[in-house]
N, C-alpha and C. Protein backbone atom coordinates (compact mmCIF):
# COMPACT_ATOMS: atom_id res chain seq x y z
N MET A 1 -251.88 93.88 -53.99
CA MET A 1 -252.23 95.26 -53.65
C MET A 1 -251.08 96.17 -54.09
N PRO A 2 -251.34 97.25 -54.84
CA PRO A 2 -250.26 98.07 -55.38
C PRO A 2 -249.60 98.99 -54.36
N PHE A 3 -250.21 99.18 -53.16
CA PHE A 3 -249.67 100.12 -52.19
C PHE A 3 -249.10 99.41 -50.97
N ARG A 4 -247.96 99.93 -50.50
CA ARG A 4 -247.36 99.44 -49.25
C ARG A 4 -247.13 100.65 -48.35
N GLU A 5 -247.60 100.58 -47.11
CA GLU A 5 -247.44 101.69 -46.18
C GLU A 5 -245.99 101.74 -45.69
N ILE A 6 -245.29 102.84 -46.01
CA ILE A 6 -243.92 103.03 -45.56
C ILE A 6 -243.90 103.50 -44.12
N ASN A 7 -244.72 104.48 -43.82
CA ASN A 7 -244.97 104.93 -42.45
C ASN A 7 -246.38 105.50 -42.43
N SER A 8 -246.74 106.20 -41.38
CA SER A 8 -248.13 106.66 -41.25
C SER A 8 -248.50 107.74 -42.26
N LYS A 9 -247.49 108.32 -42.96
CA LYS A 9 -247.78 109.44 -43.85
C LYS A 9 -247.29 109.24 -45.28
N MET A 10 -246.78 108.05 -45.59
CA MET A 10 -246.27 107.78 -46.93
C MET A 10 -246.63 106.36 -47.35
N VAL A 11 -246.94 106.20 -48.64
CA VAL A 11 -247.15 104.88 -49.20
C VAL A 11 -246.26 104.71 -50.43
N GLU A 12 -245.89 103.48 -50.69
CA GLU A 12 -245.12 103.15 -51.88
C GLU A 12 -246.01 102.35 -52.83
N ALA A 13 -246.02 102.74 -54.10
CA ALA A 13 -246.81 102.05 -55.11
C ALA A 13 -245.89 101.28 -56.04
N GLN A 14 -246.25 100.03 -56.30
CA GLN A 14 -245.52 99.21 -57.26
C GLN A 14 -246.23 99.31 -58.60
N LEU A 15 -245.50 99.78 -59.61
CA LEU A 15 -246.07 99.95 -60.95
C LEU A 15 -245.58 98.86 -61.88
N GLN A 16 -246.51 98.33 -62.69
CA GLN A 16 -246.18 97.35 -63.70
C GLN A 16 -246.75 97.81 -65.04
N PRO A 17 -246.11 97.47 -66.15
CA PRO A 17 -246.63 97.86 -67.46
C PRO A 17 -248.06 97.38 -67.65
N GLY A 18 -248.91 98.27 -68.13
CA GLY A 18 -250.30 97.91 -68.38
C GLY A 18 -251.21 98.08 -67.18
N ARG A 19 -250.66 98.45 -66.01
CA ARG A 19 -251.50 98.68 -64.83
C ARG A 19 -251.20 100.07 -64.30
N ARG A 20 -252.13 100.97 -64.50
CA ARG A 20 -251.91 102.37 -64.13
C ARG A 20 -252.53 102.69 -62.79
N LEU A 21 -252.08 103.81 -62.25
CA LEU A 21 -252.65 104.37 -61.03
C LEU A 21 -253.12 105.79 -61.32
N PHE A 22 -254.00 106.29 -60.46
CA PHE A 22 -254.36 107.70 -60.46
C PHE A 22 -253.98 108.27 -59.10
N ALA A 23 -253.47 109.51 -59.10
CA ALA A 23 -253.03 110.14 -57.86
C ALA A 23 -253.36 111.61 -57.89
N GLN A 24 -253.47 112.19 -56.70
CA GLN A 24 -253.67 113.64 -56.61
C GLN A 24 -252.42 114.33 -57.14
N ARG A 25 -252.62 115.37 -57.94
CA ARG A 25 -251.47 116.09 -58.48
C ARG A 25 -250.64 116.69 -57.34
N GLY A 26 -249.35 116.55 -57.45
CA GLY A 26 -248.45 117.05 -56.41
C GLY A 26 -248.19 116.06 -55.30
N ALA A 27 -248.76 114.84 -55.40
CA ALA A 27 -248.62 113.86 -54.32
C ALA A 27 -247.37 112.99 -54.47
N MET A 28 -246.69 113.06 -55.63
CA MET A 28 -245.49 112.25 -55.82
C MET A 28 -244.34 112.84 -55.02
N LEU A 29 -243.71 112.00 -54.19
CA LEU A 29 -242.57 112.43 -53.39
C LEU A 29 -241.24 112.00 -53.99
N ALA A 30 -241.20 110.79 -54.56
CA ALA A 30 -240.00 110.27 -55.20
C ALA A 30 -240.40 109.05 -56.01
N TYR A 31 -239.57 108.70 -56.98
CA TYR A 31 -239.84 107.47 -57.73
C TYR A 31 -238.56 106.85 -58.24
N ARG A 32 -238.66 105.57 -58.58
CA ARG A 32 -237.54 104.82 -59.13
C ARG A 32 -238.04 104.03 -60.32
N GLY A 33 -237.33 104.05 -61.43
CA GLY A 33 -237.72 103.28 -62.61
C GLY A 33 -238.19 104.17 -63.74
N GLU A 34 -238.83 103.55 -64.71
CA GLU A 34 -239.37 104.26 -65.88
C GLU A 34 -240.84 104.57 -65.63
N VAL A 35 -241.09 105.74 -65.09
CA VAL A 35 -242.44 106.13 -64.67
C VAL A 35 -242.81 107.45 -65.33
N SER A 36 -244.06 107.58 -65.78
CA SER A 36 -244.53 108.83 -66.37
C SER A 36 -245.74 109.34 -65.59
N PHE A 37 -245.87 110.66 -65.54
CA PHE A 37 -246.96 111.33 -64.83
C PHE A 37 -247.65 112.27 -65.82
N THR A 38 -248.96 112.07 -66.01
CA THR A 38 -249.70 112.83 -67.01
C THR A 38 -250.93 113.45 -66.37
N PRO A 39 -251.16 114.77 -66.50
CA PRO A 39 -252.41 115.36 -65.99
C PRO A 39 -253.61 114.64 -66.59
N ASN A 40 -254.60 114.36 -65.73
CA ASN A 40 -255.75 113.58 -66.16
C ASN A 40 -256.98 114.46 -66.22
N SER A 41 -257.67 114.46 -67.36
CA SER A 41 -258.89 115.26 -67.50
C SER A 41 -260.07 114.44 -67.98
N ALA A 42 -259.89 113.11 -68.08
CA ALA A 42 -260.95 112.26 -68.61
C ALA A 42 -261.69 111.49 -67.53
N GLY A 43 -261.38 111.79 -66.27
CA GLY A 43 -262.13 111.19 -65.19
C GLY A 43 -261.72 109.78 -64.83
N GLY A 44 -260.57 109.29 -65.33
CA GLY A 44 -260.15 107.95 -64.97
C GLY A 44 -261.11 106.91 -65.54
N ARG A 45 -261.13 105.73 -64.94
CA ARG A 45 -262.04 104.71 -65.41
C ARG A 45 -263.46 105.15 -65.09
N GLY A 46 -264.34 105.10 -66.03
CA GLY A 46 -265.67 105.69 -65.91
C GLY A 46 -265.87 106.70 -67.01
N GLY A 47 -264.74 107.17 -67.61
CA GLY A 47 -264.80 107.96 -68.83
C GLY A 47 -265.25 109.39 -68.65
N VAL A 48 -265.55 109.98 -69.79
CA VAL A 48 -265.87 111.41 -69.84
C VAL A 48 -267.13 111.73 -69.04
N MET A 49 -268.14 110.87 -69.12
CA MET A 49 -269.38 111.17 -68.41
C MET A 49 -269.16 111.17 -66.90
N SER A 50 -268.27 110.30 -66.41
CA SER A 50 -267.94 110.31 -64.99
C SER A 50 -267.30 111.63 -64.61
N MET A 51 -266.38 112.11 -65.46
CA MET A 51 -265.72 113.38 -65.21
C MET A 51 -266.71 114.53 -65.21
N ILE A 52 -267.61 114.54 -66.20
CA ILE A 52 -268.60 115.61 -66.29
C ILE A 52 -269.49 115.64 -65.06
N GLY A 53 -269.90 114.44 -64.62
CA GLY A 53 -270.74 114.36 -63.42
C GLY A 53 -270.07 114.95 -62.21
N ARG A 54 -268.77 114.69 -62.05
CA ARG A 54 -268.07 115.21 -60.89
C ARG A 54 -267.85 116.71 -61.00
N ARG A 55 -267.60 117.20 -62.22
CA ARG A 55 -267.42 118.64 -62.40
C ARG A 55 -268.70 119.39 -62.06
N VAL A 56 -269.83 118.88 -62.56
CA VAL A 56 -271.12 119.52 -62.27
C VAL A 56 -271.39 119.50 -60.78
N ALA A 57 -271.01 118.41 -60.14
CA ALA A 57 -271.27 118.26 -58.71
C ALA A 57 -270.31 119.08 -57.86
N GLY A 58 -269.24 119.59 -58.46
CA GLY A 58 -268.22 120.26 -57.68
C GLY A 58 -267.41 119.27 -56.88
N GLU A 59 -267.47 118.01 -57.27
CA GLU A 59 -266.82 116.94 -56.52
C GLU A 59 -265.71 116.36 -57.38
N ALA A 60 -264.72 117.16 -57.69
CA ALA A 60 -263.60 116.71 -58.51
C ALA A 60 -262.30 117.25 -57.93
N ALA A 61 -261.28 116.42 -57.95
CA ALA A 61 -259.96 116.84 -57.49
C ALA A 61 -258.99 116.69 -58.64
N PRO A 62 -257.98 117.56 -58.74
CA PRO A 62 -257.01 117.44 -59.83
C PRO A 62 -256.22 116.16 -59.71
N LEU A 63 -256.30 115.32 -60.74
CA LEU A 63 -255.63 114.02 -60.73
C LEU A 63 -254.55 113.96 -61.78
N MET A 64 -253.65 113.00 -61.60
CA MET A 64 -252.68 112.67 -62.64
C MET A 64 -252.68 111.17 -62.83
N THR A 65 -252.40 110.75 -64.06
CA THR A 65 -252.26 109.35 -64.38
C THR A 65 -250.80 108.95 -64.22
N VAL A 66 -250.57 107.81 -63.56
CA VAL A 66 -249.22 107.33 -63.30
C VAL A 66 -249.05 105.99 -64.01
N ASP A 67 -248.12 105.93 -64.96
CA ASP A 67 -247.88 104.73 -65.77
C ASP A 67 -246.40 104.36 -65.73
N GLY A 68 -246.13 103.09 -66.08
CA GLY A 68 -244.75 102.68 -66.27
C GLY A 68 -244.38 101.47 -65.46
N SER A 69 -243.09 101.38 -65.14
CA SER A 69 -242.55 100.26 -64.39
C SER A 69 -241.58 100.79 -63.35
N GLY A 70 -241.87 100.53 -62.09
CA GLY A 70 -241.00 101.02 -61.03
C GLY A 70 -241.77 101.18 -59.73
N THR A 71 -241.25 102.02 -58.84
CA THR A 71 -241.91 102.30 -57.56
C THR A 71 -242.03 103.81 -57.38
N VAL A 72 -243.14 104.22 -56.76
CA VAL A 72 -243.40 105.64 -56.52
C VAL A 72 -243.79 105.83 -55.07
N LEU A 73 -243.24 106.86 -54.43
CA LEU A 73 -243.63 107.23 -53.07
C LEU A 73 -244.65 108.37 -53.15
N PHE A 74 -245.78 108.18 -52.45
CA PHE A 74 -246.83 109.20 -52.41
C PHE A 74 -247.05 109.69 -50.99
N GLY A 75 -247.34 110.97 -50.86
CA GLY A 75 -247.73 111.60 -49.60
C GLY A 75 -248.15 113.02 -49.93
N HIS A 76 -248.87 113.67 -49.01
CA HIS A 76 -249.33 115.03 -49.32
C HIS A 76 -249.63 115.78 -48.03
N GLY A 77 -248.98 116.93 -47.87
CA GLY A 77 -249.31 117.83 -46.77
C GLY A 77 -249.02 117.28 -45.39
N GLY A 78 -248.26 116.21 -45.29
CA GLY A 78 -248.00 115.61 -43.99
C GLY A 78 -249.20 114.92 -43.38
N HIS A 79 -250.26 114.68 -44.19
CA HIS A 79 -251.45 114.01 -43.68
C HIS A 79 -251.19 112.53 -43.46
N HIS A 80 -251.90 111.94 -42.52
CA HIS A 80 -251.84 110.50 -42.32
C HIS A 80 -252.51 109.81 -43.50
N VAL A 81 -252.01 108.63 -43.85
CA VAL A 81 -252.50 107.89 -45.01
C VAL A 81 -252.99 106.52 -44.56
N GLN A 82 -254.13 106.13 -45.08
CA GLN A 82 -254.71 104.81 -44.81
C GLN A 82 -254.98 104.12 -46.13
N VAL A 83 -254.53 102.87 -46.27
CA VAL A 83 -254.79 102.09 -47.48
C VAL A 83 -256.01 101.21 -47.25
N ILE A 84 -256.97 101.31 -48.17
CA ILE A 84 -258.22 100.54 -48.09
C ILE A 84 -258.28 99.61 -49.30
N GLU A 85 -258.49 98.33 -49.04
CA GLU A 85 -258.58 97.33 -50.11
C GLU A 85 -260.05 97.05 -50.39
N LEU A 86 -260.45 97.18 -51.66
CA LEU A 86 -261.82 96.91 -52.07
C LEU A 86 -261.89 95.56 -52.78
N GLY A 87 -262.90 94.78 -52.43
CA GLY A 87 -263.07 93.46 -53.01
C GLY A 87 -264.29 93.35 -53.88
N GLY A 88 -264.60 94.42 -54.63
CA GLY A 88 -265.76 94.41 -55.51
C GLY A 88 -266.87 95.33 -55.06
N ASP A 89 -266.75 95.90 -53.85
CA ASP A 89 -267.78 96.80 -53.35
C ASP A 89 -267.42 98.24 -53.68
N THR A 90 -268.17 99.18 -53.10
CA THR A 90 -268.01 100.60 -53.42
C THR A 90 -267.53 101.38 -52.20
N LEU A 91 -266.51 102.20 -52.41
CA LEU A 91 -266.02 103.10 -51.37
C LEU A 91 -266.61 104.47 -51.61
N HIS A 92 -267.18 105.08 -50.57
CA HIS A 92 -267.66 106.45 -50.61
C HIS A 92 -266.64 107.32 -49.87
N VAL A 93 -266.09 108.32 -50.55
CA VAL A 93 -265.03 109.13 -49.96
C VAL A 93 -265.05 110.51 -50.62
N GLU A 94 -264.66 111.54 -49.85
CA GLU A 94 -264.59 112.88 -50.41
C GLU A 94 -263.39 112.98 -51.35
N ALA A 95 -263.54 113.68 -52.47
CA ALA A 95 -262.51 113.74 -53.49
C ALA A 95 -261.19 114.28 -52.96
N ASP A 96 -261.24 115.28 -52.06
CA ASP A 96 -259.99 115.87 -51.60
C ASP A 96 -259.23 114.97 -50.64
N ARG A 97 -259.83 113.85 -50.23
CA ARG A 97 -259.15 112.90 -49.35
C ARG A 97 -258.41 111.81 -50.13
N LEU A 98 -258.61 111.77 -51.44
CA LEU A 98 -257.96 110.74 -52.26
C LEU A 98 -256.50 111.10 -52.49
N LEU A 99 -255.60 110.24 -52.05
CA LEU A 99 -254.18 110.42 -52.33
C LEU A 99 -253.81 109.70 -53.63
N ALA A 100 -254.17 108.43 -53.73
CA ALA A 100 -253.90 107.64 -54.94
C ALA A 100 -254.81 106.43 -54.93
N PHE A 101 -255.09 105.88 -56.12
CA PHE A 101 -255.93 104.68 -56.17
C PHE A 101 -255.65 103.90 -57.44
N ASP A 102 -256.00 102.64 -57.37
CA ASP A 102 -255.77 101.70 -58.46
C ASP A 102 -256.60 102.08 -59.68
N GLY A 103 -255.97 102.03 -60.86
CA GLY A 103 -256.67 102.37 -62.09
C GLY A 103 -257.74 101.38 -62.48
N THR A 104 -257.81 100.23 -61.81
CA THR A 104 -258.86 99.26 -62.10
C THR A 104 -260.21 99.68 -61.52
N LEU A 105 -260.22 100.64 -60.62
CA LEU A 105 -261.46 101.06 -59.96
C LEU A 105 -262.22 102.05 -60.82
N GLU A 106 -263.53 101.90 -60.84
CA GLU A 106 -264.39 102.79 -61.60
C GLU A 106 -264.87 103.94 -60.72
N GLN A 107 -264.71 105.18 -61.23
CA GLN A 107 -265.08 106.36 -60.46
C GLN A 107 -266.49 106.81 -60.79
N GLY A 108 -267.12 107.42 -59.81
CA GLY A 108 -268.45 107.98 -60.02
C GLY A 108 -268.75 109.02 -58.97
N THR A 109 -269.96 109.55 -59.00
CA THR A 109 -270.43 110.55 -58.04
C THR A 109 -271.81 110.16 -57.54
N MET A 110 -272.03 110.26 -56.23
CA MET A 110 -273.32 109.94 -55.66
C MET A 110 -273.93 111.17 -55.01
N PHE A 111 -275.21 111.41 -55.30
CA PHE A 111 -275.96 112.51 -54.67
C PHE A 111 -276.22 112.15 -53.22
N MET A 112 -275.80 113.02 -52.29
CA MET A 112 -275.91 112.73 -50.87
C MET A 112 -277.35 112.45 -50.44
N GLY A 113 -278.31 113.09 -51.09
CA GLY A 113 -279.70 112.90 -50.70
C GLY A 113 -280.22 111.50 -50.96
N SER A 114 -279.50 110.72 -51.79
CA SER A 114 -279.97 109.37 -52.10
C SER A 114 -279.74 108.42 -50.94
N GLN A 115 -278.91 108.82 -49.97
CA GLN A 115 -278.74 108.03 -48.75
C GLN A 115 -279.16 108.91 -47.59
N GLY A 116 -280.27 108.60 -47.01
CA GLY A 116 -280.76 109.38 -45.89
C GLY A 116 -281.72 110.48 -46.30
N GLY A 117 -282.12 110.51 -47.57
CA GLY A 117 -283.12 111.48 -48.02
C GLY A 117 -282.69 112.91 -47.79
N VAL A 118 -283.60 113.74 -47.30
CA VAL A 118 -283.31 115.15 -47.06
C VAL A 118 -282.18 115.31 -46.06
N MET A 119 -282.13 114.43 -45.04
CA MET A 119 -281.07 114.55 -44.03
C MET A 119 -279.70 114.25 -44.63
N GLY A 120 -279.68 113.46 -45.70
CA GLY A 120 -278.41 113.25 -46.40
C GLY A 120 -277.90 114.54 -46.99
N MET A 121 -278.81 115.36 -47.50
CA MET A 121 -278.42 116.66 -48.04
C MET A 121 -277.99 117.61 -46.93
N VAL A 122 -278.70 117.57 -45.79
CA VAL A 122 -278.34 118.40 -44.65
C VAL A 122 -276.94 118.05 -44.18
N ARG A 123 -276.63 116.73 -44.17
CA ARG A 123 -275.29 116.30 -43.76
C ARG A 123 -274.22 116.95 -44.61
N GLY A 124 -274.43 116.99 -45.91
CA GLY A 124 -273.45 117.60 -46.81
C GLY A 124 -273.22 119.06 -46.50
N GLN A 125 -274.29 119.78 -46.18
CA GLN A 125 -274.16 121.19 -45.87
C GLN A 125 -273.48 121.41 -44.53
N VAL A 126 -273.83 120.60 -43.52
CA VAL A 126 -273.28 120.76 -42.18
C VAL A 126 -271.78 120.46 -42.16
N THR A 127 -271.36 119.42 -42.86
CA THR A 127 -269.96 119.01 -42.83
C THR A 127 -269.10 119.81 -43.78
N GLY A 128 -269.72 120.59 -44.67
CA GLY A 128 -268.96 121.33 -45.66
C GLY A 128 -268.53 120.47 -46.83
N GLN A 129 -269.06 119.24 -46.93
CA GLN A 129 -268.67 118.33 -47.98
C GLN A 129 -269.50 118.50 -49.24
N GLY A 130 -270.51 119.35 -49.18
CA GLY A 130 -271.36 119.54 -50.35
C GLY A 130 -272.43 118.46 -50.45
N LEU A 131 -273.12 118.44 -51.59
CA LEU A 131 -274.25 117.53 -51.76
C LEU A 131 -273.87 116.24 -52.48
N PHE A 132 -272.62 116.09 -52.84
CA PHE A 132 -272.20 114.91 -53.60
C PHE A 132 -270.95 114.31 -52.96
N THR A 133 -270.73 113.03 -53.19
CA THR A 133 -269.53 112.37 -52.72
C THR A 133 -268.98 111.49 -53.84
N THR A 134 -267.67 111.24 -53.83
CA THR A 134 -267.03 110.42 -54.84
C THR A 134 -267.19 108.94 -54.50
N THR A 135 -267.40 108.11 -55.51
CA THR A 135 -267.46 106.66 -55.32
C THR A 135 -266.38 105.99 -56.15
N LEU A 136 -265.80 104.92 -55.60
CA LEU A 136 -264.83 104.08 -56.31
C LEU A 136 -265.31 102.64 -56.15
N THR A 137 -265.47 101.94 -57.26
CA THR A 137 -266.08 100.61 -57.24
C THR A 137 -265.19 99.61 -57.97
N GLY A 138 -265.09 98.40 -57.40
CA GLY A 138 -264.37 97.33 -58.07
C GLY A 138 -263.38 96.64 -57.16
N HIS A 139 -262.38 96.02 -57.77
CA HIS A 139 -261.32 95.33 -57.04
C HIS A 139 -260.03 96.14 -57.17
N GLY A 140 -259.50 96.58 -56.05
CA GLY A 140 -258.29 97.39 -56.08
C GLY A 140 -258.09 98.07 -54.74
N ALA A 141 -257.07 98.93 -54.67
CA ALA A 141 -256.71 99.60 -53.43
C ALA A 141 -256.81 101.10 -53.57
N VAL A 142 -257.10 101.76 -52.46
CA VAL A 142 -257.23 103.21 -52.40
C VAL A 142 -256.41 103.71 -51.21
N ALA A 143 -255.63 104.76 -51.40
CA ALA A 143 -254.92 105.42 -50.31
C ALA A 143 -255.63 106.74 -50.02
N VAL A 144 -256.17 106.88 -48.81
CA VAL A 144 -256.91 108.08 -48.43
C VAL A 144 -256.13 108.83 -47.35
N MET A 145 -256.41 110.14 -47.26
CA MET A 145 -255.71 111.00 -46.30
C MET A 145 -256.64 111.40 -45.16
N ALA A 146 -256.04 111.64 -43.99
CA ALA A 146 -256.82 112.04 -42.83
C ALA A 146 -255.92 112.79 -41.86
N HIS A 147 -256.54 113.47 -40.89
CA HIS A 147 -255.81 114.13 -39.83
C HIS A 147 -255.69 113.20 -38.62
N GLY A 148 -254.49 113.04 -38.10
CA GLY A 148 -254.30 112.34 -36.83
C GLY A 148 -254.45 110.84 -36.87
N GLY A 149 -254.46 110.24 -38.04
CA GLY A 149 -254.60 108.78 -38.12
C GLY A 149 -256.04 108.36 -38.29
N VAL A 150 -256.23 107.11 -38.72
CA VAL A 150 -257.55 106.58 -39.05
C VAL A 150 -257.76 105.25 -38.34
N ILE A 151 -258.98 105.01 -37.90
CA ILE A 151 -259.37 103.71 -37.37
C ILE A 151 -260.52 103.18 -38.20
N GLU A 152 -260.50 101.88 -38.48
CA GLU A 152 -261.59 101.23 -39.21
C GLU A 152 -262.57 100.65 -38.20
N VAL A 153 -263.83 101.05 -38.31
CA VAL A 153 -264.88 100.56 -37.41
C VAL A 153 -265.80 99.63 -38.19
N PRO A 154 -265.83 98.34 -37.85
CA PRO A 154 -266.71 97.41 -38.58
C PRO A 154 -268.18 97.73 -38.35
N LEU A 155 -268.98 97.51 -39.38
CA LEU A 155 -270.42 97.67 -39.28
C LEU A 155 -271.08 96.30 -39.47
N THR A 156 -271.98 95.96 -38.57
CA THR A 156 -272.72 94.71 -38.68
C THR A 156 -274.22 95.01 -38.62
N PRO A 157 -275.05 94.22 -39.29
CA PRO A 157 -276.49 94.48 -39.32
C PRO A 157 -277.09 94.55 -37.91
N GLY A 158 -277.93 95.55 -37.69
CA GLY A 158 -278.60 95.72 -36.41
C GLY A 158 -277.79 96.46 -35.37
N ARG A 159 -276.53 96.84 -35.71
CA ARG A 159 -275.70 97.55 -34.74
C ARG A 159 -275.11 98.81 -35.41
N PRO A 160 -275.92 99.87 -35.52
CA PRO A 160 -275.44 101.10 -36.18
C PRO A 160 -274.31 101.75 -35.39
N VAL A 161 -273.50 102.52 -36.10
CA VAL A 161 -272.40 103.27 -35.50
C VAL A 161 -272.67 104.76 -35.72
N HIS A 162 -272.49 105.56 -34.66
CA HIS A 162 -272.68 107.01 -34.75
C HIS A 162 -271.32 107.69 -34.77
N VAL A 163 -271.12 108.58 -35.74
CA VAL A 163 -269.84 109.22 -35.95
C VAL A 163 -270.03 110.73 -36.02
N ASP A 164 -269.10 111.47 -35.43
CA ASP A 164 -269.09 112.92 -35.62
C ASP A 164 -268.86 113.18 -37.11
N PRO A 165 -269.74 113.94 -37.77
CA PRO A 165 -269.59 114.15 -39.22
C PRO A 165 -268.23 114.71 -39.63
N GLN A 166 -267.62 115.52 -38.77
CA GLN A 166 -266.32 116.10 -39.11
C GLN A 166 -265.19 115.07 -39.00
N ALA A 167 -265.43 113.98 -38.27
CA ALA A 167 -264.41 112.94 -38.12
C ALA A 167 -264.57 111.83 -39.15
N TYR A 168 -265.66 111.85 -39.89
CA TYR A 168 -265.91 110.84 -40.91
C TYR A 168 -264.93 111.00 -42.07
N VAL A 169 -264.36 109.87 -42.54
CA VAL A 169 -263.44 109.88 -43.67
C VAL A 169 -264.04 109.18 -44.88
N ALA A 170 -264.53 107.96 -44.69
CA ALA A 170 -265.05 107.18 -45.81
C ALA A 170 -265.81 105.98 -45.27
N HIS A 171 -266.55 105.30 -46.15
CA HIS A 171 -267.14 104.01 -45.78
C HIS A 171 -267.28 103.14 -47.02
N HIS A 172 -267.38 101.84 -46.79
CA HIS A 172 -267.64 100.93 -47.90
C HIS A 172 -268.49 99.77 -47.42
N GLY A 173 -269.10 99.08 -48.36
CA GLY A 173 -269.98 97.98 -48.06
C GLY A 173 -271.43 98.33 -48.32
N ASP A 174 -272.33 97.52 -47.83
CA ASP A 174 -273.77 97.75 -47.97
C ASP A 174 -274.21 98.61 -46.79
N VAL A 175 -274.01 99.91 -46.92
CA VAL A 175 -274.15 100.83 -45.78
C VAL A 175 -275.15 101.92 -46.11
N ARG A 176 -275.99 102.23 -45.15
CA ARG A 176 -276.89 103.38 -45.24
C ARG A 176 -276.41 104.43 -44.25
N ASN A 177 -276.54 105.71 -44.62
CA ASN A 177 -276.16 106.76 -43.68
C ASN A 177 -277.27 107.79 -43.58
N LYS A 178 -277.42 108.34 -42.40
CA LYS A 178 -278.36 109.44 -42.20
C LYS A 178 -277.82 110.31 -41.08
N LEU A 179 -278.27 111.55 -41.07
CA LEU A 179 -277.84 112.51 -40.06
C LEU A 179 -278.92 112.59 -38.99
N SER A 180 -278.52 112.42 -37.73
CA SER A 180 -279.48 112.55 -36.64
C SER A 180 -279.15 113.79 -35.83
N ALA A 181 -280.18 114.47 -35.36
CA ALA A 181 -280.02 115.68 -34.56
C ALA A 181 -281.06 115.63 -33.46
N ASP A 182 -280.65 115.19 -32.29
CA ASP A 182 -281.59 114.93 -31.20
C ASP A 182 -281.59 116.01 -30.13
N LEU A 183 -280.71 117.00 -30.28
CA LEU A 183 -280.47 117.88 -29.15
C LEU A 183 -281.21 119.20 -29.23
N GLY A 184 -282.16 119.32 -30.14
CA GLY A 184 -282.95 120.53 -30.18
C GLY A 184 -282.48 121.54 -31.21
N TRP A 185 -283.38 122.46 -31.54
CA TRP A 185 -283.08 123.40 -32.62
C TRP A 185 -281.93 124.34 -32.28
N ARG A 186 -281.76 124.72 -31.01
CA ARG A 186 -280.66 125.63 -30.65
C ARG A 186 -279.32 124.97 -30.97
N ASP A 187 -279.22 123.66 -30.73
CA ASP A 187 -277.98 122.97 -31.06
C ASP A 187 -277.81 122.86 -32.57
N MET A 188 -278.92 122.67 -33.30
CA MET A 188 -278.82 122.51 -34.74
C MET A 188 -278.29 123.76 -35.42
N VAL A 189 -278.57 124.93 -34.84
CA VAL A 189 -278.10 126.17 -35.46
C VAL A 189 -276.77 126.63 -34.85
N GLY A 190 -276.11 125.74 -34.07
CA GLY A 190 -274.76 126.02 -33.63
C GLY A 190 -274.64 126.72 -32.30
N ARG A 191 -275.69 126.71 -31.46
CA ARG A 191 -275.62 127.42 -30.18
C ARG A 191 -275.43 126.45 -29.02
N GLY A 192 -275.21 125.20 -29.32
CA GLY A 192 -275.07 124.21 -28.26
C GLY A 192 -273.64 123.76 -28.08
N SER A 193 -273.48 122.47 -27.81
CA SER A 193 -272.18 121.91 -27.45
C SER A 193 -271.27 121.71 -28.64
N GLY A 194 -271.78 121.82 -29.86
CA GLY A 194 -270.99 121.52 -31.03
C GLY A 194 -271.12 120.08 -31.47
N GLU A 195 -271.84 119.26 -30.70
CA GLU A 195 -272.02 117.85 -31.02
C GLU A 195 -273.47 117.56 -31.39
N ALA A 196 -274.16 118.58 -31.94
CA ALA A 196 -275.59 118.44 -32.20
C ALA A 196 -275.87 117.39 -33.26
N PHE A 197 -275.03 117.27 -34.26
CA PHE A 197 -275.27 116.35 -35.35
C PHE A 197 -274.42 115.10 -35.19
N GLN A 198 -275.04 113.96 -35.46
CA GLN A 198 -274.32 112.69 -35.48
C GLN A 198 -274.66 111.98 -36.78
N LEU A 199 -273.65 111.40 -37.40
CA LEU A 199 -273.84 110.63 -38.62
C LEU A 199 -274.06 109.18 -38.22
N GLU A 200 -275.24 108.66 -38.52
CA GLU A 200 -275.57 107.27 -38.18
C GLU A 200 -275.38 106.39 -39.41
N LEU A 201 -274.50 105.38 -39.28
CA LEU A 201 -274.25 104.45 -40.37
C LEU A 201 -274.69 103.06 -39.94
N SER A 202 -275.40 102.38 -40.82
CA SER A 202 -275.92 101.06 -40.49
C SER A 202 -275.79 100.14 -41.70
N GLY A 203 -275.77 98.85 -41.44
CA GLY A 203 -275.66 97.87 -42.51
C GLY A 203 -274.48 96.95 -42.29
N SER A 204 -273.81 96.60 -43.37
CA SER A 204 -272.68 95.68 -43.32
C SER A 204 -271.51 96.26 -44.10
N GLY A 205 -270.39 96.45 -43.43
CA GLY A 205 -269.22 97.04 -44.09
C GLY A 205 -268.29 97.65 -43.07
N SER A 206 -267.69 98.78 -43.40
CA SER A 206 -266.77 99.47 -42.50
C SER A 206 -266.89 100.97 -42.70
N VAL A 207 -266.65 101.71 -41.61
CA VAL A 207 -266.55 103.16 -41.69
C VAL A 207 -265.17 103.55 -41.16
N TYR A 208 -264.55 104.54 -41.80
CA TYR A 208 -263.22 104.99 -41.42
C TYR A 208 -263.34 106.35 -40.76
N VAL A 209 -262.75 106.46 -39.56
CA VAL A 209 -262.90 107.65 -38.72
C VAL A 209 -261.51 108.20 -38.40
N GLN A 210 -261.34 109.51 -38.54
CA GLN A 210 -260.06 110.12 -38.22
C GLN A 210 -260.05 110.64 -36.79
N ALA A 211 -258.84 110.79 -36.25
CA ALA A 211 -258.67 111.21 -34.85
C ALA A 211 -258.64 112.74 -34.75
N SER A 212 -259.57 113.38 -35.44
CA SER A 212 -259.61 114.85 -35.47
C SER A 212 -260.93 115.28 -36.08
N GLU A 213 -261.35 116.49 -35.76
CA GLU A 213 -262.53 117.08 -36.39
C GLU A 213 -262.11 118.13 -37.42
N GLU A 214 -260.84 118.10 -37.81
CA GLU A 214 -260.30 119.09 -38.72
C GLU A 214 -260.45 118.62 -40.16
N LYS A 215 -260.85 119.55 -41.06
CA LYS A 215 -260.95 119.24 -42.49
C LYS A 215 -259.59 119.34 -43.15
N LEU A 216 -259.43 118.67 -44.27
CA LEU A 216 -258.18 118.78 -45.04
C LEU A 216 -258.14 120.13 -45.74
């Protein structure tokens, strides 16, 4: 795994020749060795079409390519950082939560409506995340940012987990998500307790939840 957690808000990346990383621009705190940082406009692994898809979707964050040999410290805005290891499956995460990730992972964009139908689209509007989300697929590690720390909640078949949409950070595995709103129309339009919407995730995998309802 290329990332080592230094503390709750910083990770250290080990760089080797021929193995690159991608990171949010401005996330480098310090480095040691022969390391180069290059603005990235080709969308990382996944190529130009991946980049175009994210631009059209409005689901793109400014990235830089990190190459060389040495160690790099990453952190951003004092946010808490969680390292997620992928073993061939797909991570769904908002682009602005990506701190850094392994260059072996393939990037893409998923239309929110494809999971949960119309309610998937409603979820994007309610949470302010838009109608698309970023996907990272393959074998490698991802460092994501959150407010107040992150907990990993396992998902098992037949036992769905309900999450406040504002506290949702990411999920991976064979997971379906939909937005449920059981508290009536007055709550749906924001006149109730503020807990009108719940994100229901089911299947097999994990969901990552932050200890805050605050957006980055």
